[in-house]
Amino acid sequence: MGEEVIGPIKSFGSLGKIEELDIENIYSFEDLDVYKMAREFSREISDLIKKLPDIEEYNLKNQMRRAKLSMTNNIAEGFGRYHFQENIQFCRQARGSICELIDDFNECYDEGYIDLSHKERMKEDAYHLLKVLNGYIASIKRQKEKYSQ
């Protein structure tokens, strides 16, 4: 099936592809490239959170922890629903969490916690993940159409 390479983001390694969902070879949400990418991105966010000052413990740190966890949790939960439309809805929730994180990166920069290059790298990874997640959603929609005929 067709693949489109979006462009390698060094922090995601070889997971820079939007793939047609091959349900024959997917047994768990852990098999999904989008989930693997989200986990890697989550680890990058954890590294950033550790560098934030203590004053942000119950504000920005907590918000970023919840958003990064929501991102991967929603991909996993959607997969577990076994209904195309529910899976899509959970992926949309994950997409919202990624957008929250982009705003958090801007806030980190505005507060002087990270420099411009760090902010841009994190945002670039987030936007790349959004593209891959959108590709996964489109693939689910195609599968839904295929099986509803």
C-alpha atoms as a PDB file:
ATOM      1  CA  MET A   1       0.000   0.000   0.000  1.00  0.00           C
ATOM      2  CA  GLY A   2       1.103   3.594  -0.535  1.00  0.00           C
ATOM      3  CA  GLU A   3       3.418   5.352   1.858  1.00  0.00           C
ATOM      4  CA  GLU A   4       4.276   9.000   2.018  1.00  0.00           C
ATOM      5  CA  VAL A   5       7.435  10.070   3.780  1.00  0.00           C
ATOM      6  CA  ILE A   6       6.759  13.394   5.476  1.00  0.00           C
ATOM      7  CA  GLY A   7      10.368  14.060   6.342  1.00  0.00           C
ATOM      8  CA  PRO A   8      12.629  12.631   8.981  1.00  0.00           C
ATOM      9  CA  ILE A   9      12.487  14.265  12.364  1.00  0.00           C
ATOM     10  CA  LYS A  10      15.692  13.144  14.034  1.00  0.00           C
ATOM     11  CA  SER A  11      14.028  12.499  17.368  1.00  0.00           C
ATOM     12  CA  PHE A  12      11.519  10.133  15.752  1.00  0.00           C
ATOM     13  CA  GLY A  13      14.146   8.168  13.830  1.00  0.00           C
ATOM     14  CA  SER A  14      12.624   5.855  11.237  1.00  0.00           C
ATOM     15  CA  LEU A  15       9.055   6.432  12.416  1.00  0.00           C
ATOM     16  CA  GLY A  16       8.520   9.347  10.036  1.00  0.00           C
ATOM     17  CA  LYS A  17       5.964   7.720   7.743  1.00  0.00           C
ATOM     18  CA  ILE A  18       2.252   7.959   7.198  1.00  0.00           C
ATOM     19  CA  GLU A  19       1.130   4.457   6.435  1.00  0.00           C
ATOM     20  CA  GLU A  20      -2.038   2.843   5.251  1.00  0.00           C
ATOM     21  CA  LEU A  21      -3.447   1.019   8.257  1.00  0.00           C
ATOM     22  CA  ASP A  22      -2.832  -2.677   7.651  1.00  0.00           C
ATOM     23  CA  ILE A  23      -5.244  -4.225  10.123  1.00  0.00           C
ATOM     24  CA  GLU A  24      -3.961  -7.704   9.247  1.00  0.00           C
ATOM     25  CA  ASN A  25      -0.651  -6.957  11.017  1.00  0.00           C
ATOM     26  CA  ILE A  26      -1.872  -4.771  13.871  1.00  0.00           C
ATOM     27  CA  TYR A  27      -2.624  -6.734  17.034  1.00  0.00           C
ATOM     28  CA  SER A  28      -2.292  -4.014  19.642  1.00  0.00           C
ATOM     29  CA  PHE A  29      -2.164  -0.244  19.823  1.00  0.00           C
ATOM     30  CA  GLU A  30       1.513  -0.784  20.626  1.00  0.00           C
ATOM     31  CA  ASP A  31       1.988  -1.943  17.008  1.00  0.00           C
ATOM     32  CA  LEU A  32       0.867   1.430  15.636  1.00  0.00           C
ATOM     33  CA  ASP A  33       3.623   3.715  14.367  1.00  0.00           C
ATOM     34  CA  VAL A  34       1.635   6.740  15.528  1.00  0.00           C
ATOM     35  CA  TYR A  35       1.584   5.342  19.069  1.00  0.00           C
ATOM     36  CA  LYS A  36       5.339   4.640  18.961  1.00  0.00           C
ATOM     37  CA  MET A  37       5.963   8.192  17.774  1.00  0.00           C
ATOM     38  CA  ALA A  38       3.698   9.620  20.462  1.00  0.00           C
ATOM     39  CA  ARG A  39       5.624   7.682  23.126  1.00  0.00           C
ATOM     40  CA  GLU A  40       8.941   9.012  21.846  1.00  0.00           C
ATOM     41  CA  PHE A  41       7.525  12.531  21.806  1.00  0.00           C
ATOM     42  CA  SER A  42       6.212  11.992  25.339  1.00  0.00           C
ATOM     43  CA  ARG A  43       9.733  11.121  26.496  1.00  0.00           C
ATOM     44  CA  GLU A  44      11.030  14.366  24.954  1.00  0.00           C
ATOM     45  CA  ILE A  45       8.350  16.273  26.859  1.00  0.00           C
ATOM     46  CA  SER A  46       9.340  14.502  30.088  1.00  0.00           C
ATOM     47  CA  ASP A  47      12.911  15.700  29.574  1.00  0.00           C
ATOM     48  CA  LEU A  48      11.633  19.268  29.147  1.00  0.00           C
ATOM     49  CA  ILE A  49       9.387  19.033  32.216  1.00  0.00           C
ATOM     50  CA  LYS A  50      12.371  17.980  34.350  1.00  0.00           C
ATOM     51  CA  LYS A  51      14.153  21.205  33.370  1.00  0.00           C
ATOM     52  CA  LEU A  52      11.287  23.520  34.354  1.00  0.00           C
ATOM     53  CA  PRO A  53      11.616  25.430  37.649  1.00  0.00           C
ATOM     54  CA  ASP A  54       9.894  24.227  40.810  1.00  0.00           C
ATOM     55  CA  ILE A  55       7.552  27.213  40.704  1.00  0.00           C
ATOM     56  CA  GLU A  56       5.810  25.505  37.763  1.00  0.00           C
ATOM     57  CA  GLU A  57       5.206  22.210  39.630  1.00  0.00           C
ATOM     58  CA  TYR A  58       1.452  22.674  39.933  1.00  0.00           C
ATOM     59  CA  ASN A  59       0.989  24.777  36.836  1.00  0.00           C
ATOM     60  CA  LEU A  60       2.898  24.220  33.612  1.00  0.00           C
ATOM     61  CA  LYS A  61       4.605  20.965  34.682  1.00  0.00           C
ATOM     62  CA  ASN A  62       1.324  19.413  35.764  1.00  0.00           C
ATOM     63  CA  GLN A  63      -0.493  20.598  32.638  1.00  0.00           C
ATOM     64  CA  MET A  64       2.199  19.205  30.351  1.00  0.00           C
ATOM     65  CA  ARG A  65       2.244  15.865  32.206  1.00  0.00           C
ATOM     66  CA  ARG A  66      -1.524  15.524  31.775  1.00  0.00           C
ATOM     67  CA  ALA A  67      -1.449  16.526  28.098  1.00  0.00           C
ATOM     68  CA  LYS A  68       1.384  14.147  27.176  1.00  0.00           C
ATOM     69  CA  LEU A  69      -0.325  11.286  28.986  1.00  0.00           C
ATOM     70  CA  SER A  70      -3.665  12.135  27.368  1.00  0.00           C
ATOM     71  CA  MET A  71      -2.015  12.036  23.943  1.00  0.00           C
ATOM     72  CA  THR A  72      -0.863   8.404  24.238  1.00  0.00           C
ATOM     73  CA  ASN A  73      -3.812   7.282  26.382  1.00  0.00           C
ATOM     74  CA  ASN A  74      -6.339   8.445  23.798  1.00  0.00           C
ATOM     75  CA  ILE A  75      -4.572   6.656  20.943  1.00  0.00           C
ATOM     76  CA  ALA A  76      -4.570   3.476  23.041  1.00  0.00           C
ATOM     77  CA  GLU A  77      -8.154   3.823  24.232  1.00  0.00           C
ATOM     78  CA  GLY A  78      -9.465   4.564  20.761  1.00  0.00           C
ATOM     79  CA  PHE A  79      -7.803   1.443  19.419  1.00  0.00           C
ATOM     80  CA  GLY A  80      -9.409  -0.582  22.193  1.00  0.00           C
ATOM     81  CA  ARG A  81     -12.920   0.545  21.316  1.00  0.00           C
ATOM     82  CA  TYR A  82     -13.100  -1.600  18.152  1.00  0.00           C
ATOM     83  CA  HIS A  83     -15.516   0.848  16.524  1.00  0.00           C
ATOM     84  CA  PHE A  84     -14.155   3.056  13.771  1.00  0.00           C
ATOM     85  CA  GLN A  85     -15.985   6.214  14.793  1.00  0.00           C
ATOM     86  CA  GLU A  86     -15.055   5.897  18.464  1.00  0.00           C
ATOM     87  CA  ASN A  87     -11.425   5.316  17.517  1.00  0.00           C
ATOM     88  CA  ILE A  88     -11.502   8.463  15.377  1.00  0.00           C
ATOM     89  CA  GLN A  89     -13.021  10.472  18.238  1.00  0.00           C
ATOM     90  CA  PHE A  90     -10.290   9.382  20.655  1.00  0.00           C
ATOM     91  CA  CYS A  91      -7.653  10.256  18.048  1.00  0.00           C
ATOM     92  CA  ARG A  92      -9.207  13.715  17.818  1.00  0.00           C
ATOM     93  CA  GLN A  93      -8.813  14.022  21.585  1.00  0.00           C
ATOM     94  CA  ALA A  94      -5.141  13.049  21.210  1.00  0.00           C
ATOM     95  CA  ARG A  95      -4.828  15.701  18.498  1.00  0.00           C
ATOM     96  CA  GLY A  96      -6.199  18.297  20.919  1.00  0.00           C
ATOM     97  CA  SER A  97      -3.633  17.278  23.536  1.00  0.00           C
ATOM     98  CA  ILE A  98      -0.812  17.735  21.015  1.00  0.00           C
ATOM     99  CA  CYS A  99      -2.120  21.226  20.252  1.00  0.00           C
ATOM    100  CA  GLU A 100      -2.177  21.991  23.992  1.00  0.00           C
ATOM    101  CA  LEU A 101       1.464  20.963  24.173  1.00  0.00           C
ATOM    102  CA  ILE A 102       2.357  23.295  21.305  1.00  0.00           C
ATOM    103  CA  ASP A 103       0.842  26.126  23.320  1.00  0.00           C
ATOM    104  CA  ASP A 104       2.807  24.952  26.373  1.00  0.00           C
ATOM    105  CA  PHE A 105       6.051  25.096  24.360  1.00  0.00           C
ATOM    106  CA  ASN A 106       5.219  28.696  23.449  1.00  0.00           C
ATOM    107  CA  GLU A 107       4.603  29.426  27.129  1.00  0.00           C
ATOM    108  CA  CYS A 108       7.920  27.827  28.107  1.00  0.00           C
ATOM    109  CA  TYR A 109       9.660  30.063  25.602  1.00  0.00           C
ATOM    110  CA  ASP A 110       7.739  33.184  26.670  1.00  0.00           C
ATOM    111  CA  GLU A 111       8.718  32.564  30.301  1.00  0.00           C
ATOM    112  CA  GLY A 112      12.382  32.097  29.355  1.00  0.00           C
ATOM    113  CA  TYR A 113      12.513  28.408  30.299  1.00  0.00           C
ATOM    114  CA  ILE A 114      13.672  27.281  26.835  1.00  0.00           C
ATOM    115  CA  ASP A 115      15.448  29.014  23.975  1.00  0.00           C
ATOM    116  CA  LEU A 116      14.037  29.605  20.509  1.00  0.00           C
ATOM    117  CA  SER A 117      15.728  26.590  18.906  1.00  0.00           C
ATOM    118  CA  HIS A 118      14.370  24.227  21.584  1.00  0.00           C
ATOM    119  CA  LYS A 119      10.863  25.639  21.178  1.00  0.00           C
ATOM    120  CA  GLU A 120      11.014  25.301  17.383  1.00  0.00           C
ATOM    121  CA  ARG A 121      12.309  21.726  17.558  1.00  0.00           C
ATOM    122  CA  MET A 122       9.546  20.678  19.952  1.00  0.00           C
ATOM    123  CA  LYS A 123       6.907  22.372  17.819  1.00  0.00           C
ATOM    124  CA  GLU A 124       8.314  20.797  14.646  1.00  0.00           C
ATOM    125  CA  ASP A 125       8.056  17.348  16.246  1.00  0.00           C
ATOM    126  CA  ALA A 126       4.532  18.114  17.448  1.00  0.00           C
ATOM    127  CA  TYR A 127       3.363  19.241  14.001  1.00  0.00           C
ATOM    128  CA  HIS A 128       4.959  16.183  12.433  1.00  0.00           C
ATOM    129  CA  LEU A 129       3.143  13.945  14.911  1.00  0.00           C
ATOM    130  CA  LEU A 130      -0.100  15.751  14.061  1.00  0.00           C
ATOM    131  CA  LYS A 131       0.429  14.916  10.378  1.00  0.00           C
ATOM    132  CA  VAL A 132       1.013  11.264  11.157  1.00  0.00           C
ATOM    133  CA  LEU A 133      -2.010  11.175  13.477  1.00  0.00           C
ATOM    134  CA  ASN A 134      -4.149  12.785  10.765  1.00  0.00           C
ATOM    135  CA  GLY A 135      -2.911  10.107   8.353  1.00  0.00           C
ATOM    136  CA  TYR A 136      -3.930   7.425  10.854  1.00  0.00           C
ATOM    137  CA  ILE A 137      -7.382   9.004  11.210  1.00  0.00           C
ATOM    138  CA  ALA A 138      -7.755   9.100   7.407  1.00  0.00           C
ATOM    139  CA  SER A 139      -6.761   5.440   7.252  1.00  0.00           C
ATOM    140  CA  ILE A 140      -9.384   4.533   9.867  1.00  0.00           C
ATOM    141  CA  LYS A 141     -11.983   6.413   7.818  1.00  0.00           C
ATOM    142  CA  ARG A 142     -10.991   4.442   4.701  1.00  0.00           C
ATOM    143  CA  GLN A 143     -11.263   1.176   6.640  1.00  0.00           C
ATOM    144  CA  LYS A 144     -14.684   2.250   7.897  1.00  0.00           C
ATOM    145  CA  GLU A 145     -15.850   2.903   4.334  1.00  0.00           C
ATOM    146  CA  LYS A 146     -14.390  -0.398   3.123  1.00  0.00           C
ATOM    147  CA  TYR A 147     -16.160  -2.462   5.779  1.00  0.00           C
ATOM    148  CA  SER A 148     -19.480  -0.611   5.618  1.00  0.00           C
ATOM    149  CA  GLN A 149     -20.045  -1.449   1.946  1.00  0.00           C
END
